[in-house]
């Protein structure tokens, strides 16, 4: 009987909710992996920033420090997005309770608001678009306007990064940014050490760019 009902009417509300929750958990695990990768790459980049600043190469240190700033901001975005996934999951659990009373899923402006925000995150945009369409058909959400689906350009990122680079360098060099030139004027660093540091800078910069793209 259930098989015939599913064939005629599709999955039950409970089955739909469980499927959505499984997708949300999977996306949450993916965000966790990305945050761990960012942590690892950022940690290595921080060490290289210290090396560059200590030997007086503040210009290169600034370049890599800006990537560290961008990485920190990206991790914040991922962390907020994971929290939003958790909020949707909680809302769906409440929907399950309502189904037992009303027999159907209820419209939720909170789920719609959270979904709209998550669609803007490239890492989970496709999954959230598909889930939003399914939820719209199920009656949980209203059809979203096209402009709410468009990706927002993070125009403030570069402006904020420029303002924070000095702060990051100050932190990473234990407050010795102003002495960076003097520190590097003692015994000259060997060419091999300089080459290795520059190679590390470029490597970690590329790694962060891949994670931030």
N, C-alpha and C. Protein backbone atom coordinates (compact mmCIF):
# COMPACT_ATOMS: atom_id res chain seq x y z
N UNK A 1 0.82 -1.20 0.00
CA UNK A 1 0.00 0.00 0.00
C UNK A 1 0.86 1.26 0.00
N UNK A 2 1.92 1.24 0.85
CA UNK A 2 2.82 2.39 0.90
C UNK A 2 3.53 2.59 -0.43
N UNK A 3 3.87 1.47 -1.09
CA UNK A 3 4.55 1.57 -2.38
C UNK A 3 3.64 2.22 -3.41
N UNK A 4 2.37 1.85 -3.42
CA UNK A 4 1.42 2.45 -4.35
C UNK A 4 1.24 3.93 -4.06
N UNK A 5 1.14 4.27 -2.76
CA UNK A 5 0.98 5.67 -2.36
C UNK A 5 2.18 6.50 -2.79
N UNK A 6 3.39 5.93 -2.60
CA UNK A 6 4.61 6.65 -2.97
C UNK A 6 4.68 6.84 -4.48
N UNK A 7 4.22 5.83 -5.23
CA UNK A 7 4.24 5.92 -6.69
C UNK A 7 3.28 7.01 -7.17
N UNK A 8 2.13 7.10 -6.53
CA UNK A 8 1.11 8.07 -6.96
C UNK A 8 1.39 9.48 -6.45
N UNK A 9 1.86 9.58 -5.20
CA UNK A 9 1.97 10.90 -4.57
C UNK A 9 3.41 11.30 -4.21
N UNK A 10 4.36 10.40 -4.44
CA UNK A 10 5.73 10.72 -4.10
C UNK A 10 6.03 10.42 -2.64
N UNK A 11 7.21 10.81 -2.16
CA UNK A 11 7.59 10.54 -0.77
C UNK A 11 6.64 11.20 0.22
N UNK A 12 6.53 10.63 1.39
CA UNK A 12 5.72 11.23 2.45
C UNK A 12 6.46 12.45 3.00
N UNK A 13 5.76 13.33 3.72
CA UNK A 13 6.44 14.49 4.32
C UNK A 13 7.61 14.08 5.21
N UNK A 14 7.42 13.01 5.98
CA UNK A 14 8.51 12.55 6.86
C UNK A 14 9.72 12.12 6.05
N UNK A 15 9.48 11.41 4.94
CA UNK A 15 10.59 10.96 4.09
C UNK A 15 11.30 12.14 3.45
N UNK A 16 10.54 13.14 3.04
CA UNK A 16 11.16 14.33 2.45
C UNK A 16 12.07 15.02 3.47
N UNK A 17 11.55 15.18 4.67
CA UNK A 17 12.33 15.87 5.71
C UNK A 17 13.60 15.10 6.03
N UNK A 18 13.50 13.79 6.17
CA UNK A 18 14.70 12.99 6.48
C UNK A 18 15.73 13.10 5.36
N UNK A 19 15.26 13.13 4.11
CA UNK A 19 16.19 13.26 2.98
C UNK A 19 16.88 14.62 3.00
N UNK A 20 16.13 15.68 3.30
CA UNK A 20 16.73 17.01 3.38
C UNK A 20 17.74 17.09 4.52
N UNK A 21 17.38 16.50 5.65
CA UNK A 21 18.30 16.54 6.79
C UNK A 21 19.59 15.79 6.50
N UNK A 22 19.49 14.70 5.75
CA UNK A 22 20.70 13.95 5.37
C UNK A 22 21.59 14.82 4.48
N UNK A 23 20.99 15.56 3.56
CA UNK A 23 21.77 16.45 2.70
C UNK A 23 22.42 17.56 3.51
N UNK A 24 21.69 18.10 4.46
CA UNK A 24 22.23 19.17 5.30
C UNK A 24 23.44 18.68 6.10
N UNK A 25 23.33 17.46 6.64
CA UNK A 25 24.46 16.91 7.40
C UNK A 25 25.67 16.69 6.50
N UNK A 26 25.42 16.22 5.28
CA UNK A 26 26.52 15.99 4.33
C UNK A 26 27.22 17.30 3.97
N UNK A 27 26.43 18.35 3.74
CA UNK A 27 27.01 19.65 3.41
C UNK A 27 27.77 20.22 4.61
N UNK A 28 27.27 19.97 5.81
CA UNK A 28 27.96 20.42 7.01
C UNK A 28 29.32 19.76 7.15
N UNK A 29 29.39 18.47 6.85
CA UNK A 29 30.68 17.77 6.91
C UNK A 29 31.65 18.32 5.87
N UNK A 30 31.12 18.67 4.70
CA UNK A 30 31.96 19.24 3.65
C UNK A 30 32.54 20.58 4.10
N UNK A 31 31.73 21.40 4.75
CA UNK A 31 32.22 22.68 5.25
C UNK A 31 33.27 22.47 6.33
N UNK A 32 33.08 21.46 7.17
CA UNK A 32 34.08 21.14 8.20
C UNK A 32 35.42 20.81 7.56
N UNK A 33 35.38 20.02 6.49
CA UNK A 33 36.63 19.65 5.80
C UNK A 33 37.32 20.89 5.23
N UNK A 34 36.54 21.76 4.63
CA UNK A 34 37.12 22.97 4.05
C UNK A 34 37.73 23.87 5.12
N UNK A 35 37.07 23.96 6.27
CA UNK A 35 37.61 24.79 7.35
C UNK A 35 38.92 24.20 7.89
N UNK A 36 39.00 22.88 7.96
CA UNK A 36 40.25 22.26 8.42
C UNK A 36 41.38 22.52 7.42
N UNK A 37 41.06 22.44 6.13
CA UNK A 37 42.07 22.72 5.10
C UNK A 37 42.54 24.17 5.18
N UNK A 38 41.59 25.08 5.41
CA UNK A 38 41.96 26.49 5.56
C UNK A 38 42.85 26.71 6.77
N UNK A 39 42.53 26.05 7.87
CA UNK A 39 43.34 26.17 9.09
C UNK A 39 44.77 25.73 8.83
N UNK A 40 44.92 24.60 8.15
CA UNK A 40 46.25 24.06 7.88
C UNK A 40 47.05 25.00 6.98
N UNK A 41 46.44 25.44 5.89
CA UNK A 41 47.13 26.32 4.95
C UNK A 41 47.45 27.67 5.59
N UNK A 42 46.53 28.18 6.39
CA UNK A 42 46.74 29.48 7.04
C UNK A 42 47.85 29.40 8.07
N UNK A 43 47.90 28.30 8.81
CA UNK A 43 48.95 28.13 9.82
C UNK A 43 50.33 28.16 9.18
N UNK A 44 50.48 27.47 8.06
CA UNK A 44 51.77 27.45 7.35
C UNK A 44 52.09 28.83 6.79
N UNK A 45 51.07 29.51 6.28
CA UNK A 45 51.29 30.85 5.72
C UNK A 45 51.71 31.83 6.81
N UNK A 46 51.14 31.69 7.99
CA UNK A 46 51.49 32.58 9.10
C UNK A 46 52.98 32.45 9.45
N UNK A 47 53.48 31.23 9.45
CA UNK A 47 54.90 31.03 9.76
C UNK A 47 55.78 31.71 8.71
N UNK A 48 55.37 31.63 7.45
CA UNK A 48 56.15 32.26 6.39
C UNK A 48 56.09 33.78 6.50
N UNK A 49 54.94 34.32 6.90
CA UNK A 49 54.82 35.77 7.11
C UNK A 49 55.82 36.22 8.17
N UNK A 50 55.92 35.45 9.24
CA UNK A 50 56.87 35.80 10.30
C UNK A 50 58.30 35.80 9.78
N UNK A 51 58.63 34.79 8.99
CA UNK A 51 59.99 34.69 8.45
C UNK A 51 60.29 35.88 7.54
N UNK A 52 59.33 36.23 6.69
CA UNK A 52 59.53 37.34 5.76
C UNK A 52 59.68 38.66 6.51
N UNK A 53 58.81 38.88 7.50
CA UNK A 53 58.86 40.14 8.25
C UNK A 53 60.14 40.24 9.07
N UNK A 54 60.58 39.11 9.62
CA UNK A 54 61.78 39.11 10.45
C UNK A 54 63.02 39.49 9.65
N UNK A 55 63.08 39.05 8.40
CA UNK A 55 64.26 39.38 7.59
C UNK A 55 64.11 40.71 6.86
N UNK A 56 62.98 41.41 7.14
CA UNK A 56 62.82 42.75 6.59
C UNK A 56 62.09 42.82 5.27
N UNK A 57 61.61 41.70 4.76
CA UNK A 57 60.88 41.70 3.49
C UNK A 57 59.40 41.97 3.76
N UNK A 58 59.12 43.20 4.17
CA UNK A 58 57.76 43.56 4.56
C UNK A 58 56.80 43.52 3.37
N UNK A 59 57.31 43.85 2.19
CA UNK A 59 56.45 43.85 1.00
C UNK A 59 55.87 42.46 0.75
N UNK A 60 56.74 41.46 0.76
CA UNK A 60 56.27 40.08 0.55
C UNK A 60 55.40 39.63 1.71
N UNK A 61 55.77 40.06 2.92
CA UNK A 61 54.98 39.69 4.10
C UNK A 61 53.56 40.24 3.98
N UNK A 62 53.44 41.46 3.47
CA UNK A 62 52.12 42.06 3.30
C UNK A 62 51.28 41.28 2.28
N UNK A 63 51.92 40.86 1.20
CA UNK A 63 51.20 40.11 0.17
C UNK A 63 50.60 38.84 0.76
N UNK A 64 51.42 38.10 1.51
CA UNK A 64 50.94 36.85 2.08
C UNK A 64 49.99 37.09 3.25
N UNK A 65 50.23 38.17 4.00
CA UNK A 65 49.34 38.49 5.12
C UNK A 65 47.93 38.79 4.62
N UNK A 66 47.83 39.40 3.45
CA UNK A 66 46.51 39.68 2.89
C UNK A 66 45.77 38.38 2.60
N UNK A 67 46.51 37.36 2.16
CA UNK A 67 45.88 36.06 1.92
C UNK A 67 45.41 35.44 3.24
N UNK A 68 46.19 35.67 4.29
CA UNK A 68 45.79 35.17 5.61
C UNK A 68 44.49 35.84 6.06
N UNK A 69 44.40 37.15 5.81
CA UNK A 69 43.18 37.88 6.16
C UNK A 69 41.99 37.33 5.40
N UNK A 70 42.18 37.13 4.10
CA UNK A 70 41.09 36.59 3.28
C UNK A 70 40.69 35.19 3.75
N UNK A 71 41.69 34.41 4.14
CA UNK A 71 41.42 33.06 4.62
C UNK A 71 40.60 33.09 5.91
N UNK A 72 40.95 34.00 6.81
CA UNK A 72 40.21 34.12 8.07
C UNK A 72 38.76 34.51 7.82
N UNK A 73 38.56 35.42 6.88
CA UNK A 73 37.21 35.86 6.55
C UNK A 73 36.41 34.72 5.93
N UNK A 74 37.08 33.94 5.07
CA UNK A 74 36.40 32.82 4.44
C UNK A 74 36.00 31.78 5.48
N UNK A 75 36.88 31.54 6.44
CA UNK A 75 36.54 30.57 7.49
C UNK A 75 35.34 31.06 8.30
N UNK A 76 35.29 32.36 8.56
CA UNK A 76 34.14 32.92 9.28
C UNK A 76 32.85 32.69 8.50
N UNK A 77 32.92 32.89 7.19
CA UNK A 77 31.74 32.68 6.35
C UNK A 77 31.29 31.22 6.38
N UNK A 78 32.27 30.32 6.31
CA UNK A 78 31.95 28.89 6.35
C UNK A 78 31.34 28.50 7.69
N UNK A 79 31.89 29.07 8.76
CA UNK A 79 31.38 28.76 10.10
C UNK A 79 29.94 29.24 10.27
N UNK A 80 29.67 30.46 9.79
CA UNK A 80 28.30 30.99 9.85
C UNK A 80 27.36 30.14 9.01
N UNK A 81 27.84 29.72 7.84
CA UNK A 81 27.01 28.90 6.96
C UNK A 81 26.69 27.55 7.58
N UNK A 82 27.67 26.97 8.28
CA UNK A 82 27.40 25.70 8.94
C UNK A 82 26.34 25.87 10.03
N UNK A 83 26.42 26.99 10.74
CA UNK A 83 25.41 27.27 11.77
C UNK A 83 24.02 27.41 11.14
N UNK A 84 23.97 28.00 9.96
CA UNK A 84 22.69 28.15 9.26
C UNK A 84 22.15 26.79 8.83
N UNK A 85 23.04 25.91 8.39
CA UNK A 85 22.61 24.55 8.05
C UNK A 85 21.99 23.88 9.27
N UNK A 86 22.63 24.08 10.42
CA UNK A 86 22.10 23.50 11.65
C UNK A 86 20.75 24.08 12.02
N UNK A 87 20.57 25.38 11.76
CA UNK A 87 19.28 26.02 12.06
C UNK A 87 18.17 25.47 11.18
N UNK A 88 18.49 25.25 9.89
CA UNK A 88 17.49 24.66 8.99
C UNK A 88 17.13 23.26 9.46
N UNK A 89 18.14 22.51 9.88
CA UNK A 89 17.91 21.15 10.37
C UNK A 89 16.96 21.17 11.58
N UNK A 90 17.17 22.12 12.47
CA UNK A 90 16.30 22.25 13.64
C UNK A 90 14.88 22.61 13.23
N UNK A 91 14.77 23.52 12.27
CA UNK A 91 13.45 23.91 11.78
C UNK A 91 12.72 22.72 11.15
N UNK A 92 13.47 21.89 10.45
CA UNK A 92 12.86 20.71 9.82
C UNK A 92 12.40 19.70 10.87
N UNK A 93 13.16 19.58 11.95
CA UNK A 93 12.75 18.70 13.04
C UNK A 93 11.42 19.17 13.62
N UNK A 94 11.27 20.48 13.74
CA UNK A 94 10.01 21.04 14.22
C UNK A 94 8.88 20.78 13.22
N UNK A 95 9.23 20.81 11.94
CA UNK A 95 8.24 20.50 10.91
C UNK A 95 7.73 19.06 11.05
N UNK A 96 8.65 18.16 11.38
CA UNK A 96 8.27 16.76 11.57
C UNK A 96 7.23 16.63 12.68
N UNK A 97 7.42 17.40 13.74
CA UNK A 97 6.47 17.36 14.85
C UNK A 97 5.11 17.89 14.41
N UNK A 98 5.13 18.93 13.57
CA UNK A 98 3.88 19.53 13.09
C UNK A 98 3.14 18.59 12.15
N UNK A 99 3.90 17.80 11.38
CA UNK A 99 3.27 16.86 10.45
C UNK A 99 2.38 15.88 11.20
N UNK A 100 2.82 15.47 12.39
CA UNK A 100 2.04 14.52 13.17
C UNK A 100 0.71 15.12 13.61
N UNK A 101 0.67 16.46 13.70
CA UNK A 101 -0.55 17.14 14.14
C UNK A 101 -1.42 17.54 12.95
N UNK A 102 -0.78 18.15 11.95
CA UNK A 102 -1.54 18.70 10.82
C UNK A 102 -1.59 17.77 9.61
N UNK A 103 -0.64 16.84 9.55
CA UNK A 103 -0.61 15.92 8.41
C UNK A 103 0.12 16.46 7.20
N UNK A 104 0.65 17.69 7.30
CA UNK A 104 1.36 18.27 6.16
C UNK A 104 2.45 19.21 6.65
N UNK A 105 3.38 19.54 5.75
CA UNK A 105 4.45 20.49 6.06
C UNK A 105 3.90 21.90 6.02
N UNK A 106 4.45 22.76 6.87
CA UNK A 106 3.97 24.13 6.99
C UNK A 106 4.96 25.12 6.38
N UNK A 107 4.44 26.24 5.91
CA UNK A 107 5.29 27.28 5.34
C UNK A 107 6.19 27.86 6.43
N UNK A 108 7.45 28.10 6.10
CA UNK A 108 8.41 28.62 7.07
C UNK A 108 9.23 29.75 6.46
N UNK A 109 9.00 30.97 6.94
CA UNK A 109 9.80 32.11 6.46
C UNK A 109 11.24 32.01 6.95
N UNK A 110 11.45 31.36 8.11
CA UNK A 110 12.80 31.21 8.65
C UNK A 110 13.65 30.31 7.75
N UNK A 111 13.08 29.19 7.33
CA UNK A 111 13.81 28.30 6.43
C UNK A 111 14.11 29.00 5.11
N UNK A 112 13.16 29.77 4.62
CA UNK A 112 13.37 30.49 3.37
C UNK A 112 14.50 31.51 3.50
N UNK A 113 14.52 32.23 4.62
CA UNK A 113 15.56 33.24 4.83
C UNK A 113 16.94 32.58 4.92
N UNK A 114 17.03 31.49 5.67
CA UNK A 114 18.31 30.79 5.82
C UNK A 114 18.77 30.20 4.49
N UNK A 115 17.83 29.64 3.74
CA UNK A 115 18.18 29.04 2.44
C UNK A 115 18.68 30.09 1.46
N UNK A 116 18.03 31.26 1.46
CA UNK A 116 18.47 32.34 0.58
C UNK A 116 19.91 32.73 0.86
N UNK A 117 20.27 32.78 2.15
CA UNK A 117 21.63 33.15 2.53
C UNK A 117 22.62 32.07 2.11
N UNK A 118 22.24 30.81 2.25
CA UNK A 118 23.16 29.71 1.94
C UNK A 118 23.36 29.54 0.44
N UNK A 119 22.38 29.91 -0.34
CA UNK A 119 22.51 29.79 -1.80
C UNK A 119 23.66 30.65 -2.31
N UNK A 120 23.99 31.70 -1.57
CA UNK A 120 25.05 32.62 -1.99
C UNK A 120 26.45 32.06 -1.74
N UNK A 121 26.55 30.94 -1.02
CA UNK A 121 27.85 30.33 -0.75
C UNK A 121 28.17 29.33 -1.85
N UNK A 122 29.21 29.56 -2.65
CA UNK A 122 29.49 28.70 -3.80
C UNK A 122 29.61 27.22 -3.46
N UNK A 123 30.19 26.91 -2.29
CA UNK A 123 30.44 25.51 -1.94
C UNK A 123 29.17 24.68 -1.85
N UNK A 124 28.06 25.29 -1.47
CA UNK A 124 26.83 24.53 -1.29
C UNK A 124 25.67 25.13 -2.08
N UNK A 125 25.99 26.03 -2.99
CA UNK A 125 24.94 26.74 -3.73
C UNK A 125 24.03 25.79 -4.50
N UNK A 126 24.63 24.84 -5.23
CA UNK A 126 23.84 23.94 -6.07
C UNK A 126 22.90 23.09 -5.24
N UNK A 127 23.42 22.52 -4.15
CA UNK A 127 22.59 21.69 -3.28
C UNK A 127 21.44 22.49 -2.69
N UNK A 128 21.72 23.71 -2.25
CA UNK A 128 20.69 24.53 -1.63
C UNK A 128 19.65 24.99 -2.65
N UNK A 129 20.08 25.23 -3.88
CA UNK A 129 19.11 25.58 -4.93
C UNK A 129 18.13 24.43 -5.15
N UNK A 130 18.69 23.23 -5.28
CA UNK A 130 17.85 22.06 -5.52
C UNK A 130 16.91 21.81 -4.34
N UNK A 131 17.45 21.93 -3.12
CA UNK A 131 16.63 21.70 -1.94
C UNK A 131 15.54 22.76 -1.81
N UNK A 132 15.88 24.00 -2.16
CA UNK A 132 14.89 25.08 -2.09
C UNK A 132 13.74 24.84 -3.06
N UNK A 133 14.07 24.33 -4.25
CA UNK A 133 13.02 24.01 -5.22
C UNK A 133 12.12 22.90 -4.69
N UNK A 134 12.73 21.90 -4.05
CA UNK A 134 11.94 20.80 -3.49
C UNK A 134 11.05 21.30 -2.35
N UNK A 135 11.60 22.18 -1.51
CA UNK A 135 10.82 22.71 -0.40
C UNK A 135 9.69 23.61 -0.88
N UNK A 136 9.93 24.30 -1.98
CA UNK A 136 8.88 25.14 -2.56
C UNK A 136 7.72 24.27 -3.04
N UNK A 137 8.05 23.18 -3.71
CA UNK A 137 7.01 22.26 -4.18
C UNK A 137 6.26 21.62 -3.00
N UNK A 138 6.99 21.42 -1.90
CA UNK A 138 6.38 20.78 -0.72
C UNK A 138 5.56 21.77 0.11
N UNK A 139 5.63 23.06 -0.24
CA UNK A 139 4.83 24.06 0.46
C UNK A 139 5.52 24.72 1.64
N UNK A 140 6.80 24.42 1.86
CA UNK A 140 7.51 25.04 2.99
C UNK A 140 7.95 26.46 2.65
N UNK A 141 8.31 26.67 1.39
CA UNK A 141 8.82 27.97 0.96
C UNK A 141 8.00 28.49 -0.21
N UNK A 142 8.02 29.81 -0.35
CA UNK A 142 7.46 30.42 -1.53
C UNK A 142 8.53 30.46 -2.61
N UNK A 143 8.11 30.60 -3.85
CA UNK A 143 9.08 30.65 -4.94
C UNK A 143 9.95 31.88 -4.79
N UNK A 144 11.26 31.67 -4.83
CA UNK A 144 12.18 32.78 -4.62
C UNK A 144 12.32 33.62 -5.87
N UNK A 145 12.46 34.92 -5.67
CA UNK A 145 12.69 35.82 -6.79
C UNK A 145 14.09 35.61 -7.34
N UNK A 146 14.24 35.86 -8.62
CA UNK A 146 15.52 35.60 -9.28
C UNK A 146 16.66 36.38 -8.65
N UNK A 147 16.37 37.63 -8.23
CA UNK A 147 17.47 38.43 -7.70
C UNK A 147 17.98 37.92 -6.36
N UNK A 148 17.17 37.12 -5.66
CA UNK A 148 17.65 36.56 -4.40
C UNK A 148 18.58 35.39 -4.64
N UNK A 149 18.60 34.87 -5.86
CA UNK A 149 19.45 33.73 -6.17
C UNK A 149 20.82 34.15 -6.71
N UNK A 150 20.96 35.42 -7.02
CA UNK A 150 22.21 35.87 -7.60
C UNK A 150 23.29 35.93 -6.54
N UNK A 151 24.53 35.66 -6.95
CA UNK A 151 25.65 35.68 -6.04
C UNK A 151 26.04 37.12 -5.73
N UNK A 152 26.28 37.41 -4.47
CA UNK A 152 26.72 38.74 -4.07
C UNK A 152 28.24 38.82 -4.18
N UNK A 153 28.71 39.90 -4.79
CA UNK A 153 30.15 40.13 -4.83
C UNK A 153 30.58 40.68 -3.48
N UNK A 154 31.61 40.10 -2.92
CA UNK A 154 32.08 40.56 -1.62
C UNK A 154 33.02 41.74 -1.84
N UNK A 155 32.42 42.90 -2.14
CA UNK A 155 33.21 44.07 -2.50
C UNK A 155 34.00 44.62 -1.31
N UNK A 156 33.52 44.35 -0.11
CA UNK A 156 34.18 44.91 1.06
C UNK A 156 35.45 44.15 1.43
N UNK A 157 35.62 42.96 0.87
CA UNK A 157 36.73 42.11 1.29
C UNK A 157 38.08 42.79 1.11
N UNK A 158 38.35 43.31 -0.10
CA UNK A 158 39.65 43.91 -0.35
C UNK A 158 39.87 45.15 0.50
N UNK A 159 38.82 45.97 0.66
CA UNK A 159 38.96 47.18 1.47
C UNK A 159 39.29 46.83 2.91
N UNK A 160 38.57 45.85 3.45
CA UNK A 160 38.82 45.45 4.83
C UNK A 160 40.18 44.78 4.97
N UNK A 161 40.57 44.03 3.95
CA UNK A 161 41.87 43.35 4.01
C UNK A 161 43.00 44.37 4.10
N UNK A 162 42.92 45.43 3.29
CA UNK A 162 43.96 46.46 3.33
C UNK A 162 44.07 47.07 4.72
N UNK A 163 42.91 47.29 5.35
CA UNK A 163 42.91 47.92 6.67
C UNK A 163 43.44 46.98 7.75
N UNK A 164 43.30 45.67 7.53
CA UNK A 164 43.67 44.71 8.57
C UNK A 164 45.06 44.12 8.40
N UNK A 165 45.68 44.34 7.25
CA UNK A 165 47.00 43.74 7.01
C UNK A 165 48.00 44.16 8.07
N UNK A 166 48.03 45.46 8.39
CA UNK A 166 48.98 45.93 9.41
C UNK A 166 48.71 45.26 10.75
N UNK A 167 47.43 45.10 11.08
CA UNK A 167 47.09 44.47 12.35
C UNK A 167 47.55 43.02 12.39
N UNK A 168 47.34 42.32 11.27
CA UNK A 168 47.75 40.92 11.20
C UNK A 168 49.27 40.80 11.30
N UNK A 169 49.98 41.65 10.56
CA UNK A 169 51.44 41.61 10.61
C UNK A 169 51.94 41.92 12.02
N UNK A 170 51.31 42.89 12.67
CA UNK A 170 51.70 43.24 14.04
C UNK A 170 51.53 42.04 14.96
N UNK A 171 50.43 41.34 14.79
CA UNK A 171 50.15 40.16 15.61
C UNK A 171 51.12 39.03 15.32
N UNK A 172 51.35 38.78 14.03
CA UNK A 172 52.18 37.64 13.64
C UNK A 172 53.66 37.85 13.97
N UNK A 173 54.07 39.11 14.07
CA UNK A 173 55.48 39.37 14.37
C UNK A 173 55.67 39.80 15.83
N UNK A 174 54.68 39.48 16.67
CA UNK A 174 54.77 39.80 18.10
C UNK A 174 55.02 41.29 18.33
N UNK A 175 54.39 42.13 17.53
CA UNK A 175 54.49 43.57 17.70
C UNK A 175 55.77 44.17 17.19
N UNK A 176 56.54 43.44 16.37
CA UNK A 176 57.84 43.91 15.91
C UNK A 176 57.83 44.33 14.44
N UNK A 177 56.65 44.61 13.91
CA UNK A 177 56.58 44.99 12.50
C UNK A 177 57.45 46.20 12.22
N UNK A 178 57.41 47.19 13.12
CA UNK A 178 58.19 48.41 12.91
C UNK A 178 59.68 48.15 12.95
N UNK A 179 60.09 47.04 13.58
CA UNK A 179 61.50 46.71 13.68
C UNK A 179 61.94 45.74 12.60
N UNK A 180 60.97 45.38 11.72
CA UNK A 180 61.27 44.33 10.74
C UNK A 180 62.50 44.66 9.91
N UNK A 181 62.59 45.93 9.48
CA UNK A 181 63.74 46.30 8.66
C UNK A 181 65.03 46.17 9.44
N UNK A 182 65.00 46.61 10.70
CA UNK A 182 66.20 46.56 11.52
C UNK A 182 66.61 45.13 11.82
N UNK A 183 65.60 44.29 12.05
CA UNK A 183 65.90 42.90 12.36
C UNK A 183 66.65 42.24 11.22
N UNK A 184 66.28 42.62 10.01
CA UNK A 184 66.90 41.98 8.86
C UNK A 184 68.21 42.60 8.44
N UNK A 185 68.68 43.63 9.17
CA UNK A 185 69.91 44.30 8.75
C UNK A 185 71.13 43.80 9.49
N UNK A 186 70.95 42.74 10.28
CA UNK A 186 72.10 42.17 10.97
C UNK A 186 72.89 41.33 10.00
N UNK A 187 73.06 40.08 10.32
CA UNK A 187 73.74 39.19 9.40
C UNK A 187 72.82 38.90 8.22
N UNK A 188 73.29 39.05 7.00
CA UNK A 188 72.43 38.80 5.84
C UNK A 188 72.01 37.34 5.78
N UNK A 189 70.76 37.14 5.41
CA UNK A 189 70.27 35.77 5.27
C UNK A 189 70.90 35.14 4.04
N UNK A 190 71.11 33.85 4.10
CA UNK A 190 71.71 33.16 2.96
C UNK A 190 70.74 33.15 1.80
N UNK A 191 71.27 33.08 0.59
CA UNK A 191 70.42 33.06 -0.59
C UNK A 191 69.52 31.84 -0.58
N UNK A 192 70.06 30.73 -0.07
CA UNK A 192 69.27 29.50 -0.03
C UNK A 192 68.06 29.68 0.87
N UNK A 193 68.28 30.34 2.03
CA UNK A 193 67.17 30.58 2.96
C UNK A 193 66.14 31.51 2.35
N UNK A 194 66.62 32.57 1.68
CA UNK A 194 65.70 33.51 1.04
C UNK A 194 64.89 32.82 -0.05
N UNK A 195 65.57 32.01 -0.86
CA UNK A 195 64.86 31.31 -1.93
C UNK A 195 63.80 30.38 -1.36
N UNK A 196 64.16 29.69 -0.29
CA UNK A 196 63.22 28.75 0.31
C UNK A 196 62.01 29.49 0.87
N UNK A 197 62.25 30.63 1.52
CA UNK A 197 61.15 31.41 2.09
C UNK A 197 60.23 31.93 1.00
N UNK A 198 60.83 32.42 -0.10
CA UNK A 198 60.02 32.94 -1.20
C UNK A 198 59.21 31.83 -1.86
N UNK A 199 59.84 30.66 -1.99
CA UNK A 199 59.11 29.53 -2.57
C UNK A 199 57.94 29.13 -1.67
N UNK A 200 58.19 29.13 -0.36
CA UNK A 200 57.12 28.80 0.58
C UNK A 200 55.99 29.82 0.50
N UNK A 201 56.37 31.10 0.39
CA UNK A 201 55.35 32.15 0.30
C UNK A 201 54.45 31.92 -0.91
N UNK A 202 55.07 31.64 -2.05
CA UNK A 202 54.28 31.44 -3.26
C UNK A 202 53.44 30.17 -3.16
N UNK A 203 54.01 29.13 -2.56
CA UNK A 203 53.27 27.87 -2.44
C UNK A 203 52.04 28.04 -1.56
N UNK A 204 52.21 28.68 -0.40
CA UNK A 204 51.08 28.84 0.52
C UNK A 204 50.07 29.84 -0.03
N UNK A 205 50.58 30.82 -0.77
CA UNK A 205 49.66 31.77 -1.39
C UNK A 205 48.77 31.06 -2.42
N UNK A 206 49.38 30.18 -3.21
CA UNK A 206 48.61 29.43 -4.20
C UNK A 206 47.61 28.49 -3.52
N UNK A 207 48.04 27.84 -2.44
CA UNK A 207 47.15 26.94 -1.71
C UNK A 207 45.93 27.69 -1.18
N UNK A 208 46.17 28.87 -0.61
CA UNK A 208 45.06 29.65 -0.07
C UNK A 208 44.15 30.14 -1.18
N UNK A 209 44.74 30.52 -2.31
CA UNK A 209 43.92 30.98 -3.43
C UNK A 209 43.00 29.87 -3.93
N UNK A 210 43.52 28.64 -3.96
CA UNK A 210 42.68 27.51 -4.39
C UNK A 210 41.53 27.31 -3.42
N UNK A 211 41.81 27.37 -2.12
CA UNK A 211 40.78 27.17 -1.11
C UNK A 211 39.77 28.32 -1.09
N UNK A 212 40.21 29.51 -1.47
CA UNK A 212 39.33 30.68 -1.42
C UNK A 212 38.58 30.90 -2.72
N UNK A 213 38.95 30.16 -3.77
CA UNK A 213 38.30 30.37 -5.07
C UNK A 213 36.93 29.73 -5.10
